[in-house]
Amino acid sequence: MSALLVLDPEVAEAWAKQRGIQDTSLEALSQNAALIAEIEAGLPDAMRDFNRAEKVKAVKVLGTDWLPDSEELTPTSKLKRRAIHTKYAAEIETLYAQTLAPPALREEDATDQADEKAS
C-alpha cells in the first residue's frame, strides 16, 4: 500500500525551524530529504498495529495543504477520491510502480534515474 501525505503546516514549520531550515514552505519541505527520511523511519512504528496488507510501504509527501471545501476535500473534510486520483495520477503511478516492481527492477530504476541525473 502507498500513501500521499500532506504536511500539517504548523508542525512542518516548527520542525524546520528546530533544524535551522530557512525555507519552511510546504513545497520546499516536501522535497527535504531529512523530513522524508524521518517520515519513512517512523512508518514501521506507525504501521505496527496494521496487518501486512494494510501497511503503508511507500509515501509521497505533497507540497500542498488540503483544506476543507477545496479540490481535495469536501466542506466536511471528506476526501474527494476521484479528484485526488486525477490530480495526483502521476504521483500515484510512481508510488505503485516502485512498490509493485520486484526488488531487482527497483534497483535498476534507481540506477537509471541516477544515471539520468548525472547526464
PDB file of N, CA and C in Angstrom:
ATOM      1  N   MET A   1       0.843  -1.164   0.000  1.00  0.00           N
ATOM      2  CA  MET A   1       0.000   0.000   0.000  1.00  0.00           C
ATOM      3  C   MET A   1       0.900   1.242   0.000  1.00  0.00           C
ATOM      4  N   SER A   2       0.424   2.255  -0.658  1.00  0.00           N
ATOM      5  CA  SER A   2       1.146   3.523  -0.747  1.00  0.00           C
ATOM      6  C   SER A   2       0.242   4.644  -0.261  1.00  0.00           C
ATOM      7  N   ALA A   3       0.842   5.784   0.069  1.00  0.00           N
ATOM      8  CA  ALA A   3       0.048   6.898   0.583  1.00  0.00           C
ATOM      9  C   ALA A   3       0.604   8.232   0.124  1.00  0.00           C
ATOM     10  N   LEU A   4      -0.326   9.139  -0.164  1.00  0.00           N
ATOM     11  CA  LEU A   4       0.025  10.537  -0.369  1.00  0.00           C
ATOM     12  C   LEU A   4      -0.067  11.189   1.000  1.00  0.00           C
ATOM     13  N   LEU A   5       0.966  11.908   1.396  1.00  0.00           N
ATOM     14  CA  LEU A   5       0.968  12.575   2.701  1.00  0.00           C
ATOM     15  C   LEU A   5       0.929  14.079   2.527  1.00  0.00           C
ATOM     16  N   VAL A   6       0.140  14.703   3.376  1.00  0.00           N
ATOM     17  CA  VAL A   6       0.043  16.154   3.400  1.00  0.00           C
ATOM     18  C   VAL A   6       0.554  16.609   4.762  1.00  0.00           C
ATOM     19  N   LEU A   7       1.482  17.527   4.738  1.00  0.00           N
ATOM     20  CA  LEU A   7       2.070  18.023   5.983  1.00  0.00           C
ATOM     21  C   LEU A   7       1.122  18.976   6.702  1.00  0.00           C
ATOM     22  N   ASP A   8       1.153  18.931   8.020  1.00  0.00           N
ATOM     23  CA  ASP A   8       0.455  19.933   8.820  1.00  0.00           C
ATOM     24  C   ASP A   8       1.335  21.177   8.763  1.00  0.00           C
ATOM     25  N   PRO A   9       0.833  22.278   8.223  1.00  0.00           N
ATOM     26  CA  PRO A   9       1.688  23.460   8.032  1.00  0.00           C
ATOM     27  C   PRO A   9       2.363  23.961   9.306  1.00  0.00           C
ATOM     28  N   GLU A  10       1.655  23.978  10.412  1.00  0.00           N
ATOM     29  CA  GLU A  10       2.232  24.480  11.662  1.00  0.00           C
ATOM     30  C   GLU A  10       3.309  23.542  12.198  1.00  0.00           C
ATOM     31  N   VAL A  11       3.039  22.243  12.155  1.00  0.00           N
ATOM     32  CA  VAL A  11       4.012  21.261  12.639  1.00  0.00           C
ATOM     33  C   VAL A  11       5.238  21.245  11.730  1.00  0.00           C
ATOM     34  N   ALA A  12       5.004  21.306  10.424  1.00  0.00           N
ATOM     35  CA  ALA A  12       6.121  21.290   9.470  1.00  0.00           C
ATOM     36  C   ALA A  12       7.021  22.503   9.658  1.00  0.00           C
ATOM     37  N   GLU A  13       6.413  23.668   9.845  1.00  0.00           N
ATOM     38  CA  GLU A  13       7.203  24.886  10.052  1.00  0.00           C
ATOM     39  C   GLU A  13       8.020  24.794  11.337  1.00  0.00           C
ATOM     40  N   ALA A  14       7.420  24.312  12.411  1.00  0.00           N
ATOM     41  CA  ALA A  14       8.148  24.167  13.682  1.00  0.00           C
ATOM     42  C   ALA A  14       9.294  23.173  13.528  1.00  0.00           C
ATOM     43  N   TRP A  15       9.029  22.050  12.830  1.00  0.00           N
ATOM     44  CA  TRP A  15      10.064  21.043  12.598  1.00  0.00           C
ATOM     45  C   TRP A  15      11.239  21.672  11.857  1.00  0.00           C
ATOM     46  N   ALA A  16      10.946  22.434  10.823  1.00  0.00           N
ATOM     47  CA  ALA A  16      12.002  23.061  10.019  1.00  0.00           C
ATOM     48  C   ALA A  16      12.799  24.074  10.835  1.00  0.00           C
ATOM     49  N   LYS A  17      12.117  24.896  11.594  1.00  0.00           N
ATOM     50  CA  LYS A  17      12.810  25.915  12.392  1.00  0.00           C
ATOM     51  C   LYS A  17      13.718  25.274  13.433  1.00  0.00           C
ATOM     52  N   GLN A  18      13.290  24.168  14.036  1.00  0.00           N
ATOM     53  CA  GLN A  18      14.127  23.462  15.014  1.00  0.00           C
ATOM     54  C   GLN A  18      15.421  22.969  14.392  1.00  0.00           C
ATOM     55  N   ARG A  19      15.396  22.744  13.095  1.00  0.00           N
ATOM     56  CA  ARG A  19      16.565  22.218  12.397  1.00  0.00           C
ATOM     57  C   ARG A  19      17.303  23.290  11.610  1.00  0.00           C
ATOM     58  N   GLY A  20      16.910  24.541  11.790  1.00  0.00           N
ATOM     59  CA  GLY A  20      17.591  25.641  11.126  1.00  0.00           C
ATOM     60  C   GLY A  20      17.329  25.735   9.637  1.00  0.00           C
ATOM     61  N   ILE A  21      16.224  25.165   9.187  1.00  0.00           N
ATOM     62  CA  ILE A  21      15.885  25.201   7.763  1.00  0.00           C
ATOM     63  C   ILE A  21      15.191  26.526   7.476  1.00  0.00           C
ATOM     64  N   GLN A  22      15.730  27.268   6.515  1.00  0.00           N
ATOM     65  CA  GLN A  22      15.230  28.602   6.217  1.00  0.00           C
ATOM     66  C   GLN A  22      13.894  28.585   5.476  1.00  0.00           C
ATOM     67  N   ASP A  23      13.811  27.785   4.431  1.00  0.00           N
ATOM     68  CA  ASP A  23      12.596  27.739   3.614  1.00  0.00           C
ATOM     69  C   ASP A  23      11.619  26.758   4.245  1.00  0.00           C
ATOM     70  N   THR A  24      10.605  27.300   4.899  1.00  0.00           N
ATOM     71  CA  THR A  24       9.632  26.460   5.600  1.00  0.00           C
ATOM     72  C   THR A  24       8.342  26.281   4.806  1.00  0.00           C
ATOM     73  N   SER A  25       8.378  26.602   3.515  1.00  0.00           N
ATOM     74  CA  SER A  25       7.186  26.401   2.692  1.00  0.00           C
ATOM     75  C   SER A  25       6.909  24.901   2.562  1.00  0.00           C
ATOM     76  N   LEU A  26       5.652  24.558   2.402  1.00  0.00           N
ATOM     77  CA  LEU A  26       5.290  23.147   2.257  1.00  0.00           C
ATOM     78  C   LEU A  26       5.942  22.541   1.023  1.00  0.00           C
ATOM     79  N   GLU A  27       6.027  23.314  -0.036  1.00  0.00           N
ATOM     80  CA  GLU A  27       6.653  22.818  -1.266  1.00  0.00           C
ATOM     81  C   GLU A  27       8.121  22.450  -1.013  1.00  0.00           C
ATOM     82  N   ALA A  28       8.853  23.333  -0.358  1.00  0.00           N
ATOM     83  CA  ALA A  28      10.268  23.058  -0.076  1.00  0.00           C
ATOM     84  C   ALA A  28      10.424  21.880   0.884  1.00  0.00           C
ATOM     85  N   LEU A  29       9.609  21.856   1.922  1.00  0.00           N
ATOM     86  CA  LEU A  29       9.725  20.781   2.910  1.00  0.00           C
ATOM     87  C   LEU A  29       9.330  19.428   2.330  1.00  0.00           C
ATOM     88  N   SER A  30       8.411  19.425   1.366  1.00  0.00           N
ATOM     89  CA  SER A  30       8.002  18.157   0.760  1.00  0.00           C
ATOM     90  C   SER A  30       9.150  17.506  -0.012  1.00  0.00           C
ATOM     91  N   GLN A  31      10.166  18.286  -0.343  1.00  0.00           N
ATOM     92  CA  GLN A  31      11.346  17.792  -1.062  1.00  0.00           C
ATOM     93  C   GLN A  31      12.551  17.581  -0.147  1.00  0.00           C
ATOM     94  N   ASN A  32      12.404  17.930   1.136  1.00  0.00           N
ATOM     95  CA  ASN A  32      13.516  17.881   2.076  1.00  0.00           C
ATOM     96  C   ASN A  32      13.849  16.429   2.440  1.00  0.00           C
ATOM     97  N   ALA A  33      15.063  16.022   2.139  1.00  0.00           N
ATOM     98  CA  ALA A  33      15.476  14.632   2.354  1.00  0.00           C
ATOM     99  C   ALA A  33      15.399  14.226   3.825  1.00  0.00           C
ATOM    100  N   ALA A  34      15.766  15.124   4.734  1.00  0.00           N
ATOM    101  CA  ALA A  34      15.732  14.794   6.162  1.00  0.00           C
ATOM    102  C   ALA A  34      14.296  14.572   6.635  1.00  0.00           C
ATOM    103  N   LEU A  35      13.379  15.391   6.161  1.00  0.00           N
ATOM    104  CA  LEU A  35      11.981  15.230   6.536  1.00  0.00           C
ATOM    105  C   LEU A  35      11.428  13.920   5.990  1.00  0.00           C
ATOM    106  N   ILE A  36      11.710  13.639   4.739  1.00  0.00           N
ATOM    107  CA  ILE A  36      11.228  12.395   4.131  1.00  0.00           C
ATOM    108  C   ILE A  36      11.814  11.191   4.854  1.00  0.00           C
ATOM    109  N   ALA A  37      13.098  11.253   5.186  1.00  0.00           N
ATOM    110  CA  ALA A  37      13.742  10.151   5.909  1.00  0.00           C
ATOM    111  C   ALA A  37      13.108   9.950   7.287  1.00  0.00           C
ATOM    112  N   GLU A  38      12.781  11.041   7.959  1.00  0.00           N
ATOM    113  CA  GLU A  38      12.155  10.943   9.280  1.00  0.00           C
ATOM    114  C   GLU A  38      10.764  10.311   9.180  1.00  0.00           C
ATOM    115  N   ILE A  39      10.024  10.697   8.166  1.00  0.00           N
ATOM    116  CA  ILE A  39       8.700  10.102   7.951  1.00  0.00           C
ATOM    117  C   ILE A  39       8.840   8.608   7.657  1.00  0.00           C
ATOM    118  N   GLU A  40       9.737   8.267   6.754  1.00  0.00           N
ATOM    119  CA  GLU A  40       9.925   6.857   6.394  1.00  0.00           C
ATOM    120  C   GLU A  40      10.416   6.035   7.576  1.00  0.00           C
ATOM    121  N   ALA A  41      11.259   6.629   8.418  1.00  0.00           N
ATOM    122  CA  ALA A  41      11.753   5.921   9.607  1.00  0.00           C
ATOM    123  C   ALA A  41      10.622   5.669  10.605  1.00  0.00           C
ATOM    124  N   GLY A  42       9.630   6.533  10.622  1.00  0.00           N
ATOM    125  CA  GLY A  42       8.511   6.369  11.543  1.00  0.00           C
ATOM    126  C   GLY A  42       7.418   5.447  11.044  1.00  0.00           C
ATOM    127  N   LEU A  43       7.473   5.076   9.771  1.00  0.00           N
ATOM    128  CA  LEU A  43       6.427   4.214   9.215  1.00  0.00           C
ATOM    129  C   LEU A  43       6.267   2.886   9.950  1.00  0.00           C
ATOM    130  N   PRO A  44       7.345   2.145  10.213  1.00  0.00           N
ATOM    131  CA  PRO A  44       7.149   0.859  10.896  1.00  0.00           C
ATOM    132  C   PRO A  44       6.425   0.996  12.233  1.00  0.00           C
ATOM    133  N   ASP A  45       6.761   2.018  12.995  1.00  0.00           N
ATOM    134  CA  ASP A  45       6.095   2.215  14.283  1.00  0.00           C
ATOM    135  C   ASP A  45       4.629   2.602  14.078  1.00  0.00           C
ATOM    136  N   ALA A  46       4.374   3.498  13.127  1.00  0.00           N
ATOM    137  CA  ALA A  46       3.001   3.935  12.855  1.00  0.00           C
ATOM    138  C   ALA A  46       2.145   2.798  12.313  1.00  0.00           C
ATOM    139  N   MET A  47       2.744   1.864  11.606  1.00  0.00           N
ATOM    140  CA  MET A  47       2.008   0.760  10.983  1.00  0.00           C
ATOM    141  C   MET A  47       2.022  -0.516  11.822  1.00  0.00           C
ATOM    142  N   ARG A  48       2.579  -0.442  13.001  1.00  0.00           N
ATOM    143  CA  ARG A  48       2.762  -1.619  13.850  1.00  0.00           C
ATOM    144  C   ARG A  48       1.473  -2.423  14.054  1.00  0.00           C
ATOM    145  N   ASP A  49       0.343  -1.777  14.259  1.00  0.00           N
ATOM    146  CA  ASP A  49      -0.905  -2.469  14.576  1.00  0.00           C
ATOM    147  C   ASP A  49      -1.709  -2.885  13.341  1.00  0.00           C
ATOM    148  N   PHE A  50      -1.177  -2.616  12.164  1.00  0.00           N
ATOM    149  CA  PHE A  50      -1.876  -2.985  10.942  1.00  0.00           C
ATOM    150  C   PHE A  50      -1.371  -4.325  10.434  1.00  0.00           C
ATOM    151  N   ASN A  51      -2.244  -5.079   9.732  1.00  0.00           N
ATOM    152  CA  ASN A  51      -1.763  -6.333   9.153  1.00  0.00           C
ATOM    153  C   ASN A  51      -0.951  -6.012   7.905  1.00  0.00           C
ATOM    154  N   ARG A  52      -0.252  -6.995   7.405  1.00  0.00           N
ATOM    155  CA  ARG A  52       0.693  -6.803   6.293  1.00  0.00           C
ATOM    156  C   ARG A  52       0.042  -6.132   5.079  1.00  0.00           C
ATOM    157  N   ALA A  53      -1.154  -6.540   4.715  1.00  0.00           N
ATOM    158  CA  ALA A  53      -1.824  -5.994   3.535  1.00  0.00           C
ATOM    159  C   ALA A  53      -2.235  -4.538   3.723  1.00  0.00           C
ATOM    160  N   GLU A  54      -2.415  -4.107   4.961  1.00  0.00           N
ATOM    161  CA  GLU A  54      -2.855  -2.743   5.245  1.00  0.00           C
ATOM    162  C   GLU A  54      -1.707  -1.764   5.461  1.00  0.00           C
ATOM    163  N   LYS A  55      -0.499  -2.262   5.603  1.00  0.00           N
ATOM    164  CA  LYS A  55       0.635  -1.399   5.934  1.00  0.00           C
ATOM    165  C   LYS A  55       1.083  -0.545   4.754  1.00  0.00           C
ATOM    166  N   VAL A  56       1.290   0.731   5.023  1.00  0.00           N
ATOM    167  CA  VAL A  56       1.835   1.644   4.022  1.00  0.00           C
ATOM    168  C   VAL A  56       3.325   1.353   3.891  1.00  0.00           C
ATOM    169  N   LYS A  57       3.758   1.143   2.659  1.00  0.00           N
ATOM    170  CA  LYS A  57       5.159   0.806   2.409  1.00  0.00           C
ATOM    171  C   LYS A  57       5.907   1.910   1.673  1.00  0.00           C
ATOM    172  N   ALA A  58       5.161   2.792   1.023  1.00  0.00           N
ATOM    173  CA  ALA A  58       5.786   3.888   0.278  1.00  0.00           C
ATOM    174  C   ALA A  58       4.917   5.129   0.434  1.00  0.00           C
ATOM    175  N   VAL A  59       5.573   6.276   0.522  1.00  0.00           N
ATOM    176  CA  VAL A  59       4.840   7.533   0.687  1.00  0.00           C
ATOM    177  C   VAL A  59       5.375   8.586  -0.277  1.00  0.00           C
ATOM    178  N   LYS A  60       4.502   9.508  -0.592  1.00  0.00           N
ATOM    179  CA  LYS A  60       4.881  10.703  -1.355  1.00  0.00           C
ATOM    180  C   LYS A  60       4.386  11.887  -0.550  1.00  0.00           C
ATOM    181  N   VAL A  61       5.310  12.732  -0.115  1.00  0.00           N
ATOM    182  CA  VAL A  61       4.954  13.924   0.639  1.00  0.00           C
ATOM    183  C   VAL A  61       4.602  15.014  -0.371  1.00  0.00           C
ATOM    184  N   LEU A  62       3.405  15.544  -0.236  1.00  0.00           N
ATOM    185  CA  LEU A  62       2.929  16.572  -1.162  1.00  0.00           C
ATOM    186  C   LEU A  62       3.256  17.958  -0.620  1.00  0.00           C
ATOM    187  N   GLY A  63       3.477  18.884  -1.508  1.00  0.00           N
ATOM    188  CA  GLY A  63       3.844  20.245  -1.125  1.00  0.00           C
ATOM    189  C   GLY A  63       2.658  21.193  -1.073  1.00  0.00           C
ATOM    190  N   THR A  64       1.490  20.653  -0.803  1.00  0.00           N
ATOM    191  CA  THR A  64       0.284  21.466  -0.730  1.00  0.00           C
ATOM    192  C   THR A  64      -0.450  21.198   0.573  1.00  0.00           C
ATOM    193  N   ASP A  65      -1.333  22.115   0.915  1.00  0.00           N
ATOM    194  CA  ASP A  65      -2.182  21.953   2.086  1.00  0.00           C
ATOM    195  C   ASP A  65      -3.581  21.619   1.593  1.00  0.00           C
ATOM    196  N   TRP A  66      -4.183  20.586   2.134  1.00  0.00           N
ATOM    197  CA  TRP A  66      -5.546  20.220   1.757  1.00  0.00           C
ATOM    198  C   TRP A  66      -6.487  20.846   2.768  1.00  0.00           C
ATOM    199  N   LEU A  67      -7.305  21.753   2.309  1.00  0.00           N
ATOM    200  CA  LEU A  67      -8.225  22.481   3.169  1.00  0.00           C
ATOM    201  C   LEU A  67      -9.661  22.056   2.885  1.00  0.00           C
ATOM    202  N   PRO A  68     -10.544  22.173   3.873  1.00  0.00           N
ATOM    203  CA  PRO A  68     -11.954  21.877   3.628  1.00  0.00           C
ATOM    204  C   PRO A  68     -12.494  22.733   2.480  1.00  0.00           C
ATOM    205  N   ASP A  69     -13.393  22.141   1.706  1.00  0.00           N
ATOM    206  CA  ASP A  69     -14.030  22.804   0.569  1.00  0.00           C
ATOM    207  C   ASP A  69     -13.001  23.225  -0.476  1.00  0.00           C
ATOM    208  N   SER A  70     -12.118  22.292  -0.808  1.00  0.00           N
ATOM    209  CA  SER A  70     -11.070  22.532  -1.810  1.00  0.00           C
ATOM    210  C   SER A  70     -11.167  21.451  -2.884  1.00  0.00           C
ATOM    211  N   GLU A  71     -10.171  21.401  -3.768  1.00  0.00           N
ATOM    212  CA  GLU A  71     -10.146  20.357  -4.802  1.00  0.00           C
ATOM    213  C   GLU A  71     -10.088  18.959  -4.208  1.00  0.00           C
ATOM    214  N   GLU A  72      -9.448  18.839  -3.044  1.00  0.00           N
ATOM    215  CA  GLU A  72      -9.210  17.521  -2.458  1.00  0.00           C
ATOM    216  C   GLU A  72     -10.213  17.132  -1.369  1.00  0.00           C
ATOM    217  N   LEU A  73     -10.809  18.108  -0.697  1.00  0.00           N
ATOM    218  CA  LEU A  73     -11.691  17.821   0.437  1.00  0.00           C
ATOM    219  C   LEU A  73     -13.048  18.497   0.282  1.00  0.00           C
ATOM    220  N   THR A  74     -14.077  17.830   0.804  1.00  0.00           N
ATOM    221  CA  THR A  74     -15.408  18.423   0.851  1.00  0.00           C
ATOM    222  C   THR A  74     -15.447  19.457   1.972  1.00  0.00           C
ATOM    223  N   PRO A  75     -16.530  20.219   2.104  1.00  0.00           N
ATOM    224  CA  PRO A  75     -16.640  21.167   3.221  1.00  0.00           C
ATOM    225  C   PRO A  75     -16.548  20.503   4.597  1.00  0.00           C
ATOM    226  N   THR A  76     -16.858  19.194   4.660  1.00  0.00           N
ATOM    227  CA  THR A  76     -16.763  18.475   5.941  1.00  0.00           C
ATOM    228  C   THR A  76     -15.487  17.642   6.028  1.00  0.00           C
ATOM    229  N   SER A  77     -14.504  17.953   5.181  1.00  0.00           N
ATOM    230  CA  SER A  77     -13.164  17.340   5.176  1.00  0.00           C
ATOM    231  C   SER A  77     -13.142  15.864   4.781  1.00  0.00           C
ATOM    232  N   LYS A  78     -14.087  15.453   3.984  1.00  0.00           N
ATOM    233  CA  LYS A  78     -14.046  14.104   3.424  1.00  0.00           C
ATOM    234  C   LYS A  78     -13.255  14.165   2.123  1.00  0.00           C
ATOM    235  N   LEU A  79     -12.532  13.080   1.832  1.00  0.00           N
ATOM    236  CA  LEU A  79     -11.711  13.043   0.627  1.00  0.00           C
ATOM    237  C   LEU A  79     -12.569  13.022  -0.634  1.00  0.00           C
ATOM    238  N   LYS A  80     -12.156  13.803  -1.612  1.00  0.00           N
ATOM    239  CA  LYS A  80     -12.742  13.742  -2.949  1.00  0.00           C
ATOM    240  C   LYS A  80     -11.860  12.797  -3.759  1.00  0.00           C
ATOM    241  N   ARG A  81     -12.128  11.514  -3.633  1.00  0.00           N
ATOM    242  CA  ARG A  81     -11.240  10.488  -4.177  1.00  0.00           C
ATOM    243  C   ARG A  81     -10.997  10.613  -5.676  1.00  0.00           C
ATOM    244  N   ARG A  82     -12.036  10.825  -6.461  1.00  0.00           N
ATOM    245  CA  ARG A  82     -11.845  10.952  -7.915  1.00  0.00           C
ATOM    246  C   ARG A  82     -10.951  12.144  -8.254  1.00  0.00           C
ATOM    247  N   ALA A  83     -11.217  13.257  -7.608  1.00  0.00           N
ATOM    248  CA  ALA A  83     -10.422  14.461  -7.882  1.00  0.00           C
ATOM    249  C   ALA A  83      -8.964  14.248  -7.476  1.00  0.00           C
ATOM    250  N   ILE A  84      -8.754  13.609  -6.342  1.00  0.00           N
ATOM    251  CA  ILE A  84      -7.388  13.324  -5.878  1.00  0.00           C
ATOM    252  C   ILE A  84      -6.703  12.384  -6.862  1.00  0.00           C
ATOM    253  N   HIS A  85      -7.400  11.335  -7.262  1.00  0.00           N
ATOM    254  CA  HIS A  85      -6.799  10.381  -8.189  1.00  0.00           C
ATOM    255  C   HIS A  85      -6.422  11.050  -9.503  1.00  0.00           C
ATOM    256  N   THR A  86      -7.281  11.924  -9.989  1.00  0.00           N
ATOM    257  CA  THR A  86      -6.995  12.629 -11.240  1.00  0.00           C
ATOM    258  C   THR A  86      -5.830  13.600 -11.074  1.00  0.00           C
ATOM    259  N   LYS A  87      -5.888  14.427 -10.043  1.00  0.00           N
ATOM    260  CA  LYS A  87      -4.872  15.460  -9.832  1.00  0.00           C
ATOM    261  C   LYS A  87      -3.486  14.875  -9.556  1.00  0.00           C
ATOM    262  N   TYR A  88      -3.447  13.768  -8.816  1.00  0.00           N
ATOM    263  CA  TYR A  88      -2.173  13.188  -8.401  1.00  0.00           C
ATOM    264  C   TYR A  88      -1.886  11.856  -9.102  1.00  0.00           C
ATOM    265  N   ALA A  89      -2.420  11.675 -10.300  1.00  0.00           N
ATOM    266  CA  ALA A  89      -2.257  10.414 -11.034  1.00  0.00           C
ATOM    267  C   ALA A  89      -0.779  10.047 -11.237  1.00  0.00           C
ATOM    268  N   ALA A  90       0.033  11.013 -11.592  1.00  0.00           N
ATOM    269  CA  ALA A  90       1.458  10.725 -11.839  1.00  0.00           C
ATOM    270  C   ALA A  90       2.158  10.273 -10.559  1.00  0.00           C
ATOM    271  N   GLU A  91       1.872  10.944  -9.443  1.00  0.00           N
ATOM    272  CA  GLU A  91       2.481  10.571  -8.158  1.00  0.00           C
ATOM    273  C   GLU A  91       2.037   9.178  -7.732  1.00  0.00           C
ATOM    274  N   ILE A  92       0.753   8.896  -7.919  1.00  0.00           N
ATOM    275  CA  ILE A  92       0.218   7.584  -7.544  1.00  0.00           C
ATOM    276  C   ILE A  92       0.845   6.500  -8.403  1.00  0.00           C
ATOM    277  N   GLU A  93       0.933   6.746  -9.698  1.00  0.00           N
ATOM    278  CA  GLU A  93       1.545   5.781 -10.610  1.00  0.00           C
ATOM    279  C   GLU A  93       2.992   5.492 -10.209  1.00  0.00           C
ATOM    280  N   THR A  94       3.726   6.530  -9.887  1.00  0.00           N
ATOM    281  CA  THR A  94       5.125   6.362  -9.465  1.00  0.00           C
ATOM    282  C   THR A  94       5.225   5.548  -8.183  1.00  0.00           C
ATOM    283  N   LEU A  95       4.369   5.842  -7.214  1.00  0.00           N
ATOM    284  CA  LEU A  95       4.389   5.091  -5.955  1.00  0.00           C
ATOM    285  C   LEU A  95       4.144   3.609  -6.184  1.00  0.00           C
ATOM    286  N   TYR A  96       3.127   3.288  -6.952  1.00  0.00           N
ATOM    287  CA  TYR A  96       2.810   1.892  -7.188  1.00  0.00           C
ATOM    288  C   TYR A  96       3.826   1.208  -8.080  1.00  0.00           C
ATOM    289  N   ALA A  97       4.425   1.928  -8.990  1.00  0.00           N
ATOM    290  CA  ALA A  97       5.481   1.342  -9.816  1.00  0.00           C
ATOM    291  C   ALA A  97       6.668   0.942  -8.942  1.00  0.00           C
ATOM    292  N   GLN A  98       6.960   1.762  -7.929  1.00  0.00           N
ATOM    293  CA  GLN A  98       8.074   1.459  -7.016  1.00  0.00           C
ATOM    294  C   GLN A  98       7.748   0.299  -6.097  1.00  0.00           C
ATOM    295  N   THR A  99       6.522   0.230  -5.589  1.00  0.00           N
ATOM    296  CA  THR A  99       6.192  -0.801  -4.601  1.00  0.00           C
ATOM    297  C   THR A  99       5.815  -2.131  -5.227  1.00  0.00           C
ATOM    298  N   LEU A 100       5.332  -2.126  -6.476  1.00  0.00           N
ATOM    299  CA  LEU A 100       4.905  -3.373  -7.098  1.00  0.00           C
ATOM    300  C   LEU A 100       5.999  -4.040  -7.918  1.00  0.00           C
ATOM    301  N   ALA A 101       7.036  -3.291  -8.256  1.00  0.00           N
ATOM    302  CA  ALA A 101       8.127  -3.856  -9.045  1.00  0.00           C
ATOM    303  C   ALA A 101       8.975  -4.777  -8.172  1.00  0.00           C
ATOM    304  N   PRO A 102       9.447  -5.882  -8.750  1.00  0.00           N
ATOM    305  CA  PRO A 102      10.364  -6.741  -7.992  1.00  0.00           C
ATOM    306  C   PRO A 102      11.606  -5.945  -7.582  1.00  0.00           C
ATOM    307  N   PRO A 103      12.258  -6.318  -6.467  1.00  0.00           N
ATOM    308  CA  PRO A 103      13.423  -5.563  -5.990  1.00  0.00           C
ATOM    309  C   PRO A 103      14.490  -5.315  -7.045  1.00  0.00           C
ATOM    310  N   ALA A 104      14.769  -6.290  -7.894  1.00  0.00           N
ATOM    311  CA  ALA A 104      15.805  -6.111  -8.911  1.00  0.00           C
ATOM    312  C   ALA A 104      15.430  -4.984  -9.867  1.00  0.00           C
ATOM    313  N   LEU A 105      14.158  -4.901 -10.247  1.00  0.00           N
ATOM    314  CA  LEU A 105      13.730  -3.827 -11.143  1.00  0.00           C
ATOM    315  C   LEU A 105      13.776  -2.480 -10.457  1.00  0.00           C
ATOM    316  N   ARG A 106      13.428  -2.430  -9.170  1.00  0.00           N
ATOM    317  CA  ARG A 106      13.510  -1.168  -8.439  1.00  0.00           C
ATOM    318  C   ARG A 106      14.943  -0.674  -8.401  1.00  0.00           C
ATOM    319  N   GLU A 107      15.894  -1.590  -8.196  1.00  0.00           N
ATOM    320  CA  GLU A 107      17.307  -1.209  -8.163  1.00  0.00           C
ATOM    321  C   GLU A 107      17.747  -0.702  -9.530  1.00  0.00           C
ATOM    322  N   GLU A 108      17.288  -1.363 -10.606  1.00  0.00           N
ATOM    323  CA  GLU A 108      17.635  -0.918 -11.955  1.00  0.00           C
ATOM    324  C   GLU A 108      17.065   0.469 -12.215  1.00  0.00           C
ATOM    325  N   ASP A 109      15.812   0.698 -11.808  1.00  0.00           N
ATOM    326  CA  ASP A 109      15.184   2.010 -11.989  1.00  0.00           C
ATOM    327  C   ASP A 109      15.961   3.086 -11.245  1.00  0.00           C
ATOM    328  N   ALA A 110      16.379   2.779 -10.025  1.00  0.00           N
ATOM    329  CA  ALA A 110      17.133   3.753  -9.231  1.00  0.00           C
ATOM    330  C   ALA A 110      18.460   4.075  -9.912  1.00  0.00           C
ATOM    331  N   THR A 111      19.113   3.048 -10.463  1.00  0.00           N
ATOM    332  CA  THR A 111      20.378   3.250 -11.168  1.00  0.00           C
ATOM    333  C   THR A 111      20.156   4.085 -12.427  1.00  0.00           C
ATOM    334  N   ASP A 112      19.089   3.766 -13.173  1.00  0.00           N
ATOM    335  CA  ASP A 112      18.780   4.531 -14.387  1.00  0.00           C
ATOM    336  C   ASP A 112      18.499   5.990 -14.058  1.00  0.00           C
ATOM    337  N   GLN A 113      17.729   6.237 -12.982  1.00  0.00           N
ATOM    338  CA  GLN A 113      17.416   7.597 -12.603  1.00  0.00           C
ATOM    339  C   GLN A 113      18.667   8.359 -12.180  1.00  0.00           C
ATOM    340  N   ALA A 114      19.563   7.690 -11.474  1.00  0.00           N
ATOM    341  CA  ALA A 114      20.818   8.326 -11.051  1.00  0.00           C
ATOM    342  C   ALA A 114      21.665   8.648 -12.280  1.00  0.00           C
ATOM    343  N   ASP A 115      21.680   7.750 -13.266  1.00  0.00           N
ATOM    344  CA  ASP A 115      22.441   7.990 -14.495  1.00  0.00           C
ATOM    345  C   ASP A 115      21.866   9.177 -15.261  1.00  0.00           C
ATOM    346  N   GLU A 116      20.525   9.288 -15.298  1.00  0.00           N
ATOM    347  CA  GLU A 116      19.891  10.401 -15.989  1.00  0.00           C
ATOM    348  C   GLU A 116      20.225  11.723 -15.324  1.00  0.00           C
ATOM    349  N   LYS A 117      20.231  11.756 -14.010  1.00  0.00           N
ATOM    350  CA  LYS A 117      20.552  12.980 -13.277  1.00  0.00           C
ATOM    351  C   LYS A 117      22.000  13.390 -13.491  1.00  0.00           C
ATOM    352  N   ALA A 118      22.876  12.401 -13.617  1.00  0.00           N
ATOM    353  CA  ALA A 118      24.295  12.686 -13.791  1.00  0.00           C
ATOM    354  C   ALA A 118      24.595  13.218 -15.190  1.00  0.00           C
ATOM    355  N   SER A 119      23.714  12.878 -16.138  1.00  0.00           N
ATOM    356  CA  SER A 119      23.935  13.300 -17.544  1.00  0.00           C
ATOM    357  C   SER A 119      23.677  14.764 -17.733  1.00  0.00           C
TER     358      SER A 119
END
